[in-house]
Every structure is written in C-alpha cells, then in structure tokens.
Amino acid sequence: SATGFTVTTSIGGWFATKINLVPGKGTSFMKGNKGKWYAGEDPWVGAHEAGHVMQLDDRYTKNALGQKIAQPGWEGTIMAEKMGVVTPADRQGVLDALDCNCPCGEK
C-alpha cells in the first residue's frame, strides 16, 4: 500500500481514464472511464481491471451463491477467472475495441 500517495494516470482528453488508487483491500472496479483500485489486493486484480481499461468485458456470471463462474469458452482467461491468463481472444478483443484488423493479435 502507499499511504499518503495519490496516483493519477491520464491519456488526455475529456474521456481520459481516471483511476483512484487507494490503500488497503476492497472490491476494485471500473465503471466507464472511472475506477477505484485497492493497492492491497492481489496484483492479478489490477491486471484484470486494466483489461476493462482496454475495453474488455468480464467473462463470468455469478451463480445463486454469488460465486463467479467462467462463461463457456472463456475458462482460464484473465477476464473470467482469478489468476487467469491473457489469451489470443483477449488480445483480439483489445484490437477489436481499437478497430484494428491487423493480424498482430495472433501471437
């Protein structure tokens, strides 16, 4: 944690991403271009939330007990499961969000 510090990241413009990084643990989230991330959480959480900054959607649903269940076909991915990895489908999702139709996401 970084008590007493404020981290601000800006990519410019009126729709710049604004993330409030706070000490401790909690439920990190992104809503539109704004988010609140807890510095005391597992680093994986920040990576997952960064996926939202790159326009990736959550790829899980919640069951009746509130447990997160990966959507079919998204098992093991960073946007579906804790400790999931970045997959070609995730990379393609970022490219699609950028309207990029190049083959660079295939590696």
PDB file of N, CA and C in Angstrom:
ATOM      1  N   SER A   1       0.839  -1.193   0.000  1.00  0.00           N
ATOM      2  CA  SER A   1       0.000   0.000   0.000  1.00  0.00           C
ATOM      3  C   SER A   1       0.877   1.246   0.000  1.00  0.00           C
ATOM      4  N   ALA A   2       0.278   2.362  -0.362  1.00  0.00           N
ATOM      5  CA  ALA A   2       1.040   3.600  -0.498  1.00  0.00           C
ATOM      6  C   ALA A   2       0.322   4.717   0.246  1.00  0.00           C
ATOM      7  N   THR A   3       0.254   4.626   1.551  1.00  0.00           N
ATOM      8  CA  THR A   3      -0.440   5.619   2.355  1.00  0.00           C
ATOM      9  C   THR A   3       0.140   7.006   2.106  1.00  0.00           C
ATOM     10  N   GLY A   4      -0.743   7.959   1.862  1.00  0.00           N
ATOM     11  CA  GLY A   4      -0.310   9.327   1.664  1.00  0.00           C
ATOM     12  C   GLY A   4       0.030   9.678   0.234  1.00  0.00           C
ATOM     13  N   PHE A   5      -0.082   8.719  -0.673  1.00  0.00           N
ATOM     14  CA  PHE A   5       0.239   8.978  -2.074  1.00  0.00           C
ATOM     15  C   PHE A   5      -1.014   8.875  -2.933  1.00  0.00           C
ATOM     16  N   THR A   6      -1.067   9.694  -3.949  1.00  0.00           N
ATOM     17  CA  THR A   6      -2.125   9.626  -4.938  1.00  0.00           C
ATOM     18  C   THR A   6      -1.487   9.345  -6.283  1.00  0.00           C
ATOM     19  N   VAL A   7      -2.013   8.362  -6.979  1.00  0.00           N
ATOM     20  CA  VAL A   7      -1.502   8.029  -8.302  1.00  0.00           C
ATOM     21  C   VAL A   7      -2.540   8.456  -9.328  1.00  0.00           C
ATOM     22  N   THR A   8      -2.127   9.262 -10.284  1.00  0.00           N
ATOM     23  CA  THR A   8      -3.021   9.728 -11.337  1.00  0.00           C
ATOM     24  C   THR A   8      -2.416   9.385 -12.682  1.00  0.00           C
ATOM     25  N   THR A   9      -3.200   8.747 -13.520  1.00  0.00           N
ATOM     26  CA  THR A   9      -2.765   8.422 -14.869  1.00  0.00           C
ATOM     27  C   THR A   9      -3.743   9.067 -15.829  1.00  0.00           C
ATOM     28  N   SER A  10      -3.236   9.728 -16.841  1.00  0.00           N
ATOM     29  CA  SER A  10      -4.107  10.392 -17.804  1.00  0.00           C
ATOM     30  C   SER A  10      -3.599  10.156 -19.215  1.00  0.00           C
ATOM     31  N   ILE A  11      -4.531   9.839 -20.099  1.00  0.00           N
ATOM     32  CA  ILE A  11      -4.191   9.669 -21.501  1.00  0.00           C
ATOM     33  C   ILE A  11      -4.758  10.856 -22.280  1.00  0.00           C
ATOM     34  N   GLY A  12      -5.254  11.842 -21.598  1.00  0.00           N
ATOM     35  CA  GLY A  12      -5.704  13.084 -22.211  1.00  0.00           C
ATOM     36  C   GLY A  12      -7.146  13.060 -22.677  1.00  0.00           C
ATOM     37  N   GLY A  13      -7.611  14.242 -22.954  1.00  0.00           N
ATOM     38  CA  GLY A  13      -8.971  14.388 -23.453  1.00  0.00           C
ATOM     39  C   GLY A  13     -10.004  14.309 -22.354  1.00  0.00           C
ATOM     40  N   TRP A  14     -11.228  14.649 -22.710  1.00  0.00           N
ATOM     41  CA  TRP A  14     -12.313  14.674 -21.727  1.00  0.00           C
ATOM     42  C   TRP A  14     -12.698  13.277 -21.272  1.00  0.00           C
ATOM     43  N   PHE A  15     -12.360  12.252 -22.053  1.00  0.00           N
ATOM     44  CA  PHE A  15     -12.715  10.881 -21.691  1.00  0.00           C
ATOM     45  C   PHE A  15     -11.503  10.114 -21.165  1.00  0.00           C
ATOM     46  N   ALA A  16     -10.533  10.840 -20.608  1.00  0.00           N
ATOM     47  CA  ALA A  16      -9.341  10.194 -20.058  1.00  0.00           C
ATOM     48  C   ALA A  16      -9.739   9.219 -18.952  1.00  0.00           C
ATOM     49  N   THR A  17      -9.011   8.132 -18.835  1.00  0.00           N
ATOM     50  CA  THR A  17      -9.255   7.153 -17.783  1.00  0.00           C
ATOM     51  C   THR A  17      -8.814   7.738 -16.448  1.00  0.00           C
ATOM     52  N   LYS A  18      -9.676   7.620 -15.449  1.00  0.00           N
ATOM     53  CA  LYS A  18      -9.387   8.135 -14.113  1.00  0.00           C
ATOM     54  C   LYS A  18      -9.522   6.994 -13.125  1.00  0.00           C
ATOM     55  N   ILE A  19      -8.393   6.628 -12.491  1.00  0.00           N
ATOM     56  CA  ILE A  19      -8.389   5.534 -11.535  1.00  0.00           C
ATOM     57  C   ILE A  19      -7.959   6.068 -10.175  1.00  0.00           C
ATOM     58  N   ASN A  20      -8.787   5.849  -9.176  1.00  0.00           N
ATOM     59  CA  ASN A  20      -8.479   6.229  -7.808  1.00  0.00           C
ATOM     60  C   ASN A  20      -7.821   5.020  -7.154  1.00  0.00           C
ATOM     61  N   LEU A  21      -6.530   5.091  -6.877  1.00  0.00           N
ATOM     62  CA  LEU A  21      -5.785   4.010  -6.244  1.00  0.00           C
ATOM     63  C   LEU A  21      -5.734   4.291  -4.750  1.00  0.00           C
ATOM     64  N   VAL A  22      -6.323   3.381  -3.974  1.00  0.00           N
ATOM     65  CA  VAL A  22      -6.421   3.593  -2.530  1.00  0.00           C
ATOM     66  C   VAL A  22      -5.740   2.450  -1.780  1.00  0.00           C
ATOM     67  N   PRO A  23      -5.230   2.733  -0.573  1.00  0.00           N
ATOM     68  CA  PRO A  23      -4.590   1.677   0.210  1.00  0.00           C
ATOM     69  C   PRO A  23      -5.624   0.675   0.727  1.00  0.00           C
ATOM     70  N   GLY A  24      -5.135  -0.477   1.103  1.00  0.00           N
ATOM     71  CA  GLY A  24      -5.992  -1.482   1.708  1.00  0.00           C
ATOM     72  C   GLY A  24      -6.593  -2.441   0.702  1.00  0.00           C
ATOM     73  N   LYS A  25      -7.581  -3.187   1.194  1.00  0.00           N
ATOM     74  CA  LYS A  25      -8.264  -4.182   0.374  1.00  0.00           C
ATOM     75  C   LYS A  25      -9.715  -3.789   0.208  1.00  0.00           C
ATOM     76  N   GLY A  26     -10.290  -4.211  -0.898  1.00  0.00           N
ATOM     77  CA  GLY A  26     -11.683  -3.927  -1.188  1.00  0.00           C
ATOM     78  C   GLY A  26     -12.016  -4.481  -2.559  1.00  0.00           C
ATOM     79  N   THR A  27     -13.156  -4.104  -3.075  1.00  0.00           N
ATOM     80  CA  THR A  27     -13.575  -4.562  -4.393  1.00  0.00           C
ATOM     81  C   THR A  27     -13.197  -3.510  -5.419  1.00  0.00           C
ATOM     82  N   SER A  28     -12.144  -3.794  -6.178  1.00  0.00           N
ATOM     83  CA  SER A  28     -11.706  -2.878  -7.231  1.00  0.00           C
ATOM     84  C   SER A  28     -12.698  -2.949  -8.381  1.00  0.00           C
ATOM     85  N   PHE A  29     -12.858  -1.831  -9.098  1.00  0.00           N
ATOM     86  CA  PHE A  29     -13.808  -1.828 -10.208  1.00  0.00           C
ATOM     87  C   PHE A  29     -13.482  -0.729 -11.201  1.00  0.00           C
ATOM     88  N   MET A  30     -14.034  -0.891 -12.376  1.00  0.00           N
ATOM     89  CA  MET A  30     -14.053   0.145 -13.410  1.00  0.00           C
ATOM     90  C   MET A  30     -15.512   0.350 -13.784  1.00  0.00           C
ATOM     91  N   LYS A  31     -15.905   1.583 -13.956  1.00  0.00           N
ATOM     92  CA  LYS A  31     -17.241   1.911 -14.444  1.00  0.00           C
ATOM     93  C   LYS A  31     -17.046   3.006 -15.473  1.00  0.00           C
ATOM     94  N   GLY A  32     -17.210   2.635 -16.748  1.00  0.00           N
ATOM     95  CA  GLY A  32     -16.910   3.580 -17.812  1.00  0.00           C
ATOM     96  C   GLY A  32     -15.419   3.884 -17.799  1.00  0.00           C
ATOM     97  N   ASN A  33     -15.084   5.143 -17.759  1.00  0.00           N
ATOM     98  CA  ASN A  33     -13.665   5.527 -17.754  1.00  0.00           C
ATOM     99  C   ASN A  33     -13.146   5.862 -16.351  1.00  0.00           C
ATOM    100  N   LYS A  34     -13.916   5.510 -15.336  1.00  0.00           N
ATOM    101  CA  LYS A  34     -13.502   5.788 -13.953  1.00  0.00           C
ATOM    102  C   LYS A  34     -13.424   4.482 -13.172  1.00  0.00           C
ATOM    103  N   GLY A  35     -12.481   4.445 -12.238  1.00  0.00           N
ATOM    104  CA  GLY A  35     -12.347   3.243 -11.440  1.00  0.00           C
ATOM    105  C   GLY A  35     -11.765   3.514 -10.072  1.00  0.00           C
ATOM    106  N   LYS A  36     -11.879   2.522  -9.220  1.00  0.00           N
ATOM    107  CA  LYS A  36     -11.292   2.560  -7.883  1.00  0.00           C
ATOM    108  C   LYS A  36     -10.588   1.227  -7.690  1.00  0.00           C
ATOM    109  N   TRP A  37      -9.279   1.294  -7.501  1.00  0.00           N
ATOM    110  CA  TRP A  37      -8.475   0.090  -7.332  1.00  0.00           C
ATOM    111  C   TRP A  37      -7.837   0.108  -5.954  1.00  0.00           C
ATOM    112  N   TYR A  38      -7.845  -1.031  -5.284  1.00  0.00           N
ATOM    113  CA  TYR A  38      -7.262  -1.152  -3.953  1.00  0.00           C
ATOM    114  C   TYR A  38      -5.846  -1.717  -4.051  1.00  0.00           C
ATOM    115  N   ALA A  39      -4.879  -0.976  -3.522  1.00  0.00           N
ATOM    116  CA  ALA A  39      -3.463  -1.340  -3.625  1.00  0.00           C
ATOM    117  C   ALA A  39      -3.125  -2.609  -2.844  1.00  0.00           C
ATOM    118  N   GLY A  40      -3.923  -2.955  -1.856  1.00  0.00           N
ATOM    119  CA  GLY A  40      -3.650  -4.137  -1.045  1.00  0.00           C
ATOM    120  C   GLY A  40      -4.150  -5.436  -1.640  1.00  0.00           C
ATOM    121  N   GLU A  41      -4.766  -5.372  -2.807  1.00  0.00           N
ATOM    122  CA  GLU A  41      -5.273  -6.587  -3.440  1.00  0.00           C
ATOM    123  C   GLU A  41      -4.166  -7.310  -4.202  1.00  0.00           C
ATOM    124  N   ASP A  42      -4.419  -8.541  -4.543  1.00  0.00           N
ATOM    125  CA  ASP A  42      -3.501  -9.337  -5.360  1.00  0.00           C
ATOM    126  C   ASP A  42      -3.219  -8.584  -6.662  1.00  0.00           C
ATOM    127  N   PRO A  43      -1.976  -8.562  -7.138  1.00  0.00           N
ATOM    128  CA  PRO A  43      -1.658  -7.858  -8.386  1.00  0.00           C
ATOM    129  C   PRO A  43      -2.505  -8.313  -9.572  1.00  0.00           C
ATOM    130  N   TRP A  44      -3.000  -9.531  -9.535  1.00  0.00           N
ATOM    131  CA  TRP A  44      -3.857 -10.016 -10.615  1.00  0.00           C
ATOM    132  C   TRP A  44      -5.085  -9.120 -10.779  1.00  0.00           C
ATOM    133  N   VAL A  45      -5.616  -8.604  -9.674  1.00  0.00           N
ATOM    134  CA  VAL A  45      -6.813  -7.760  -9.732  1.00  0.00           C
ATOM    135  C   VAL A  45      -6.552  -6.533 -10.595  1.00  0.00           C
ATOM    136  N   GLY A  46      -5.406  -5.880 -10.410  1.00  0.00           N
ATOM    137  CA  GLY A  46      -5.054  -4.724 -11.231  1.00  0.00           C
ATOM    138  C   GLY A  46      -4.951  -5.094 -12.699  1.00  0.00           C
ATOM    139  N   ALA A  47      -4.394  -6.267 -12.988  1.00  0.00           N
ATOM    140  CA  ALA A  47      -4.283  -6.716 -14.377  1.00  0.00           C
ATOM    141  C   ALA A  47      -5.664  -6.939 -14.977  1.00  0.00           C
ATOM    142  N   HIS A  48      -6.565  -7.546 -14.211  1.00  0.00           N
ATOM    143  CA  HIS A  48      -7.939  -7.758 -14.676  1.00  0.00           C
ATOM    144  C   HIS A  48      -8.627  -6.415 -14.929  1.00  0.00           C
ATOM    145  N   GLU A  49      -8.503  -5.493 -13.988  1.00  0.00           N
ATOM    146  CA  GLU A  49      -9.133  -4.178 -14.144  1.00  0.00           C
ATOM    147  C   GLU A  49      -8.527  -3.419 -15.321  1.00  0.00           C
ATOM    148  N   ALA A  50      -7.221  -3.583 -15.563  1.00  0.00           N
ATOM    149  CA  ALA A  50      -6.597  -2.957 -16.730  1.00  0.00           C
ATOM    150  C   ALA A  50      -7.225  -3.485 -18.017  1.00  0.00           C
ATOM    151  N   GLY A  51      -7.672  -4.728 -17.993  1.00  0.00           N
ATOM    152  CA  GLY A  51      -8.398  -5.267 -19.146  1.00  0.00           C
ATOM    153  C   GLY A  51      -9.641  -4.450 -19.439  1.00  0.00           C
ATOM    154  N   HIS A  52     -10.331  -4.008 -18.388  1.00  0.00           N
ATOM    155  CA  HIS A  52     -11.508  -3.150 -18.589  1.00  0.00           C
ATOM    156  C   HIS A  52     -11.119  -1.811 -19.198  1.00  0.00           C
ATOM    157  N   VAL A  53      -9.965  -1.271 -18.783  1.00  0.00           N
ATOM    158  CA  VAL A  53      -9.484  -0.017 -19.364  1.00  0.00           C
ATOM    159  C   VAL A  53      -9.288  -0.184 -20.867  1.00  0.00           C
ATOM    160  N   MET A  54      -8.909  -1.400 -21.272  1.00  0.00           N
ATOM    161  CA  MET A  54      -8.699  -1.694 -22.700  1.00  0.00           C
ATOM    162  C   MET A  54      -9.976  -2.197 -23.371  1.00  0.00           C
ATOM    163  N   GLN A  55     -11.117  -1.941 -22.724  1.00  0.00           N
ATOM    164  CA  GLN A  55     -12.449  -2.227 -23.267  1.00  0.00           C
ATOM    165  C   GLN A  55     -12.841  -3.698 -23.266  1.00  0.00           C
ATOM    166  N   LEU A  56     -12.187  -4.530 -22.444  1.00  0.00           N
ATOM    167  CA  LEU A  56     -12.580  -5.929 -22.334  1.00  0.00           C
ATOM    168  C   LEU A  56     -13.678  -6.063 -21.285  1.00  0.00           C
ATOM    169  N   ASP A  57     -14.632  -6.931 -21.558  1.00  0.00           N
ATOM    170  CA  ASP A  57     -15.736  -7.188 -20.639  1.00  0.00           C
ATOM    171  C   ASP A  57     -15.397  -8.332 -19.693  1.00  0.00           C
ATOM    172  N   ASP A  58     -16.083  -8.369 -18.550  1.00  0.00           N
ATOM    173  CA  ASP A  58     -15.995  -9.542 -17.685  1.00  0.00           C
ATOM    174  C   ASP A  58     -16.533 -10.723 -18.475  1.00  0.00           C
ATOM    175  N   ARG A  59     -15.923 -11.874 -18.296  1.00  0.00           N
ATOM    176  CA  ARG A  59     -16.345 -13.087 -18.990  1.00  0.00           C
ATOM    177  C   ARG A  59     -16.766 -14.146 -17.981  1.00  0.00           C
ATOM    178  N   TYR A  60     -17.511 -13.702 -16.964  1.00  0.00           N
ATOM    179  CA  TYR A  60     -18.051 -14.622 -15.971  1.00  0.00           C
ATOM    180  C   TYR A  60     -19.469 -14.211 -15.623  1.00  0.00           C
ATOM    181  N   THR A  61     -20.187 -15.157 -15.044  1.00  0.00           N
ATOM    182  CA  THR A  61     -21.506 -14.892 -14.470  1.00  0.00           C
ATOM    183  C   THR A  61     -21.405 -15.282 -12.999  1.00  0.00           C
ATOM    184  N   LYS A  62     -22.411 -14.946 -12.243  1.00  0.00           N
ATOM    185  CA  LYS A  62     -22.434 -15.346 -10.834  1.00  0.00           C
ATOM    186  C   LYS A  62     -23.581 -16.323 -10.620  1.00  0.00           C
ATOM    187  N   ASN A  63     -23.304 -17.367  -9.841  1.00  0.00           N
ATOM    188  CA  ASN A  63     -24.364 -18.329  -9.530  1.00  0.00           C
ATOM    189  C   ASN A  63     -25.191 -17.825  -8.354  1.00  0.00           C
ATOM    190  N   ALA A  64     -26.138 -18.629  -7.906  1.00  0.00           N
ATOM    191  CA  ALA A  64     -27.044 -18.228  -6.826  1.00  0.00           C
ATOM    192  C   ALA A  64     -26.309 -17.923  -5.523  1.00  0.00           C
ATOM    193  N   LEU A  65     -25.118 -18.484  -5.348  1.00  0.00           N
ATOM    194  CA  LEU A  65     -24.322 -18.236  -4.138  1.00  0.00           C
ATOM    195  C   LEU A  65     -23.387 -17.046  -4.292  1.00  0.00           C
ATOM    196  N   GLY A  66     -23.425 -16.390  -5.464  1.00  0.00           N
ATOM    197  CA  GLY A  66     -22.566 -15.238  -5.710  1.00  0.00           C
ATOM    198  C   GLY A  66     -21.170 -15.603  -6.174  1.00  0.00           C
ATOM    199  N   GLN A  67     -20.936 -16.890  -6.456  1.00  0.00           N
ATOM    200  CA  GLN A  67     -19.629 -17.339  -6.934  1.00  0.00           C
ATOM    201  C   GLN A  67     -19.496 -17.030  -8.425  1.00  0.00           C
ATOM    202  N   LYS A  68     -18.302 -16.618  -8.826  1.00  0.00           N
ATOM    203  CA  LYS A  68     -18.054 -16.305 -10.233  1.00  0.00           C
ATOM    204  C   LYS A  68     -17.797 -17.590 -11.013  1.00  0.00           C
ATOM    205  N   ILE A  69     -18.501 -17.743 -12.119  1.00  0.00           N
ATOM    206  CA  ILE A  69     -18.379 -18.910 -12.987  1.00  0.00           C
ATOM    207  C   ILE A  69     -17.987 -18.422 -14.380  1.00  0.00           C
ATOM    208  N   ALA A  70     -16.885 -18.937 -14.907  1.00  0.00           N
ATOM    209  CA  ALA A  70     -16.425 -18.534 -16.244  1.00  0.00           C
ATOM    210  C   ALA A  70     -17.491 -18.855 -17.288  1.00  0.00           C
ATOM    211  N   GLN A  71     -17.683 -17.933 -18.219  1.00  0.00           N
ATOM    212  CA  GLN A  71     -18.576 -18.199 -19.336  1.00  0.00           C
ATOM    213  C   GLN A  71     -17.961 -19.298 -20.192  1.00  0.00           C
ATOM    214  N   PRO A  72     -18.795 -20.132 -20.816  1.00  0.00           N
ATOM    215  CA  PRO A  72     -18.257 -21.201 -21.660  1.00  0.00           C
ATOM    216  C   PRO A  72     -17.305 -20.649 -22.728  1.00  0.00           C
ATOM    217  N   GLY A  73     -16.161 -21.294 -22.849  1.00  0.00           N
ATOM    218  CA  GLY A  73     -15.164 -20.885 -23.821  1.00  0.00           C
ATOM    219  C   GLY A  73     -14.162 -19.870 -23.283  1.00  0.00           C
ATOM    220  N   TRP A  74     -14.418 -19.310 -22.096  1.00  0.00           N
ATOM    221  CA  TRP A  74     -13.528 -18.298 -21.522  1.00  0.00           C
ATOM    222  C   TRP A  74     -12.802 -18.808 -20.283  1.00  0.00           C
ATOM    223  N   GLU A  75     -12.917 -20.091 -19.995  1.00  0.00           N
ATOM    224  CA  GLU A  75     -12.263 -20.668 -18.826  1.00  0.00           C
ATOM    225  C   GLU A  75     -10.760 -20.396 -18.879  1.00  0.00           C
ATOM    226  N   GLY A  76     -10.203 -20.019 -17.734  1.00  0.00           N
ATOM    227  CA  GLY A  76      -8.761 -19.798 -17.626  1.00  0.00           C
ATOM    228  C   GLY A  76      -8.267 -18.461 -18.149  1.00  0.00           C
ATOM    229  N   THR A  77      -9.177 -17.581 -18.591  1.00  0.00           N
ATOM    230  CA  THR A  77      -8.750 -16.282 -19.120  1.00  0.00           C
ATOM    231  C   THR A  77      -8.763 -15.221 -18.032  1.00  0.00           C
ATOM    232  N   ILE A  78      -8.007 -14.169 -18.258  1.00  0.00           N
ATOM    233  CA  ILE A  78      -7.857 -13.108 -17.264  1.00  0.00           C
ATOM    234  C   ILE A  78      -9.172 -12.385 -16.961  1.00  0.00           C
ATOM    235  N   MET A  79     -10.086 -12.369 -17.910  1.00  0.00           N
ATOM    236  CA  MET A  79     -11.346 -11.660 -17.696  1.00  0.00           C
ATOM    237  C   MET A  79     -12.443 -12.574 -17.140  1.00  0.00           C
ATOM    238  N   ALA A  80     -12.107 -13.871 -16.939  1.00  0.00           N
ATOM    239  CA  ALA A  80     -13.111 -14.819 -16.450  1.00  0.00           C
ATOM    240  C   ALA A  80     -12.781 -15.421 -15.093  1.00  0.00           C
ATOM    241  N   GLU A  81     -11.505 -15.641 -14.819  1.00  0.00           N
ATOM    242  CA  GLU A  81     -11.144 -16.365 -13.603  1.00  0.00           C
ATOM    243  C   GLU A  81      -9.941 -15.736 -12.901  1.00  0.00           C
ATOM    244  N   LYS A  82      -9.989 -15.750 -11.583  1.00  0.00           N
ATOM    245  CA  LYS A  82      -8.838 -15.268 -10.802  1.00  0.00           C
ATOM    246  C   LYS A  82      -7.622 -16.083 -11.206  1.00  0.00           C
ATOM    247  N   MET A  83      -6.540 -15.398 -11.444  1.00  0.00           N
ATOM    248  CA  MET A  83      -5.272 -15.952 -11.878  1.00  0.00           C
ATOM    249  C   MET A  83      -5.336 -16.482 -13.313  1.00  0.00           C
ATOM    250  N   GLY A  84      -6.394 -16.112 -14.051  1.00  0.00           N
ATOM    251  CA  GLY A  84      -6.457 -16.463 -15.461  1.00  0.00           C
ATOM    252  C   GLY A  84      -5.376 -15.718 -16.230  1.00  0.00           C
ATOM    253  N   VAL A  85      -5.118 -16.149 -17.436  1.00  0.00           N
ATOM    254  CA  VAL A  85      -4.056 -15.574 -18.249  1.00  0.00           C
ATOM    255  C   VAL A  85      -4.637 -14.808 -19.432  1.00  0.00           C
ATOM    256  N   VAL A  86      -3.810 -13.957 -20.028  1.00  0.00           N
ATOM    257  CA  VAL A  86      -4.190 -13.244 -21.238  1.00  0.00           C
ATOM    258  C   VAL A  86      -4.105 -14.233 -22.391  1.00  0.00           C
ATOM    259  N   THR A  87      -5.162 -14.318 -23.175  1.00  0.00           N
ATOM    260  CA  THR A  87      -5.229 -15.273 -24.274  1.00  0.00           C
ATOM    261  C   THR A  87      -5.319 -14.528 -25.609  1.00  0.00           C
ATOM    262  N   PRO A  88      -5.149 -15.233 -26.710  1.00  0.00           N
ATOM    263  CA  PRO A  88      -5.351 -14.587 -28.015  1.00  0.00           C
ATOM    264  C   PRO A  88      -6.743 -13.950 -28.142  1.00  0.00           C
ATOM    265  N   ALA A  89      -7.758 -14.549 -27.533  1.00  0.00           N
ATOM    266  CA  ALA A  89      -9.104 -13.963 -27.589  1.00  0.00           C
ATOM    267  C   ALA A  89      -9.146 -12.615 -26.870  1.00  0.00           C
ATOM    268  N   ASP A  90      -8.424 -12.497 -25.743  1.00  0.00           N
ATOM    269  CA  ASP A  90      -8.348 -11.214 -25.035  1.00  0.00           C
ATOM    270  C   ASP A  90      -7.639 -10.180 -25.889  1.00  0.00           C
ATOM    271  N   ARG A  91      -6.495 -10.567 -26.466  1.00  0.00           N
ATOM    272  CA  ARG A  91      -5.753  -9.637 -27.320  1.00  0.00           C
ATOM    273  C   ARG A  91      -6.604  -9.199 -28.508  1.00  0.00           C
ATOM    274  N   GLN A  92      -7.351 -10.136 -29.092  1.00  0.00           N
ATOM    275  CA  GLN A  92      -8.203  -9.779 -30.221  1.00  0.00           C
ATOM    276  C   GLN A  92      -9.307  -8.821 -29.779  1.00  0.00           C
ATOM    277  N   GLY A  93      -9.818  -8.998 -28.568  1.00  0.00           N
ATOM    278  CA  GLY A  93     -10.831  -8.085 -28.043  1.00  0.00           C
ATOM    279  C   GLY A  93     -10.326  -6.660 -27.948  1.00  0.00           C
ATOM    280  N   VAL A  94      -9.070  -6.488 -27.527  1.00  0.00           N
ATOM    281  CA  VAL A  94      -8.465  -5.148 -27.463  1.00  0.00           C
ATOM    282  C   VAL A  94      -8.331  -4.581 -28.873  1.00  0.00           C
ATOM    283  N   LEU A  95      -7.848  -5.394 -29.806  1.00  0.00           N
ATOM    284  CA  LEU A  95      -7.714  -4.939 -31.194  1.00  0.00           C
ATOM    285  C   LEU A  95      -9.067  -4.558 -31.781  1.00  0.00           C
ATOM    286  N   ASP A  96     -10.086  -5.350 -31.485  1.00  0.00           N
ATOM    287  CA  ASP A  96     -11.439  -5.038 -31.973  1.00  0.00           C
ATOM    288  C   ASP A  96     -11.929  -3.709 -31.411  1.00  0.00           C
ATOM    289  N   ALA A  97     -11.657  -3.467 -30.120  1.00  0.00           N
ATOM    290  CA  ALA A  97     -12.067  -2.205 -29.496  1.00  0.00           C
ATOM    291  C   ALA A  97     -11.383  -1.014 -30.162  1.00  0.00           C
ATOM    292  N   LEU A  98     -10.184  -1.242 -30.699  1.00  0.00           N
ATOM    293  CA  LEU A  98      -9.435  -0.184 -31.384  1.00  0.00           C
ATOM    294  C   LEU A  98      -9.749  -0.128 -32.878  1.00  0.00           C
ATOM    295  N   ASP A  99     -10.675  -0.976 -33.334  1.00  0.00           N
ATOM    296  CA  ASP A  99     -10.999  -1.083 -34.759  1.00  0.00           C
ATOM    297  C   ASP A  99      -9.763  -1.437 -35.594  1.00  0.00           C
ATOM    298  N   CYS A 100      -8.923  -2.280 -35.035  1.00  0.00           N
ATOM    299  CA  CYS A 100      -7.708  -2.714 -35.726  1.00  0.00           C
ATOM    300  C   CYS A 100      -7.957  -4.101 -36.306  1.00  0.00           C
ATOM    301  N   ASN A 101      -7.763  -4.249 -37.591  1.00  0.00           N
ATOM    302  CA  ASN A 101      -7.979  -5.561 -38.208  1.00  0.00           C
ATOM    303  C   ASN A 101      -6.675  -6.210 -38.657  1.00  0.00           C
ATOM    304  N   CYS A 102      -5.586  -5.828 -37.990  1.00  0.00           N
ATOM    305  CA  CYS A 102      -4.283  -6.405 -38.353  1.00  0.00           C
ATOM    306  C   CYS A 102      -4.130  -7.771 -37.667  1.00  0.00           C
ATOM    307  N   PRO A 103      -3.214  -8.605 -38.158  1.00  0.00           N
ATOM    308  CA  PRO A 103      -3.011  -9.923 -37.557  1.00  0.00           C
ATOM    309  C   PRO A 103      -2.093  -9.913 -36.331  1.00  0.00           C
ATOM    310  N   CYS A 104      -1.786  -8.751 -35.760  1.00  0.00           N
ATOM    311  CA  CYS A 104      -0.814  -8.685 -34.665  1.00  0.00           C
ATOM    312  C   CYS A 104      -1.315  -9.335 -33.380  1.00  0.00           C
ATOM    313  N   GLY A 105      -2.588  -9.587 -33.228  1.00  0.00           N
ATOM    314  CA  GLY A 105      -3.095 -10.212 -32.010  1.00  0.00           C
ATOM    315  C   GLY A 105      -2.994 -11.719 -32.019  1.00  0.00           C
ATOM    316  N   GLU A 106      -2.482 -12.301 -33.077  1.00  0.00           N
ATOM    317  CA  GLU A 106      -2.451 -13.745 -33.203  1.00  0.00           C
ATOM    318  C   GLU A 106      -1.298 -14.415 -32.484  1.00  0.00           C
ATOM    319  N   LYS A 107      -0.305 -13.657 -32.062  1.00  0.00           N
ATOM    320  CA  LYS A 107       0.869 -14.261 -31.410  1.00  0.00           C
ATOM    321  C   LYS A 107       0.619 -14.545 -29.966  1.00  0.00           C
TER     322      LYS A 107
END
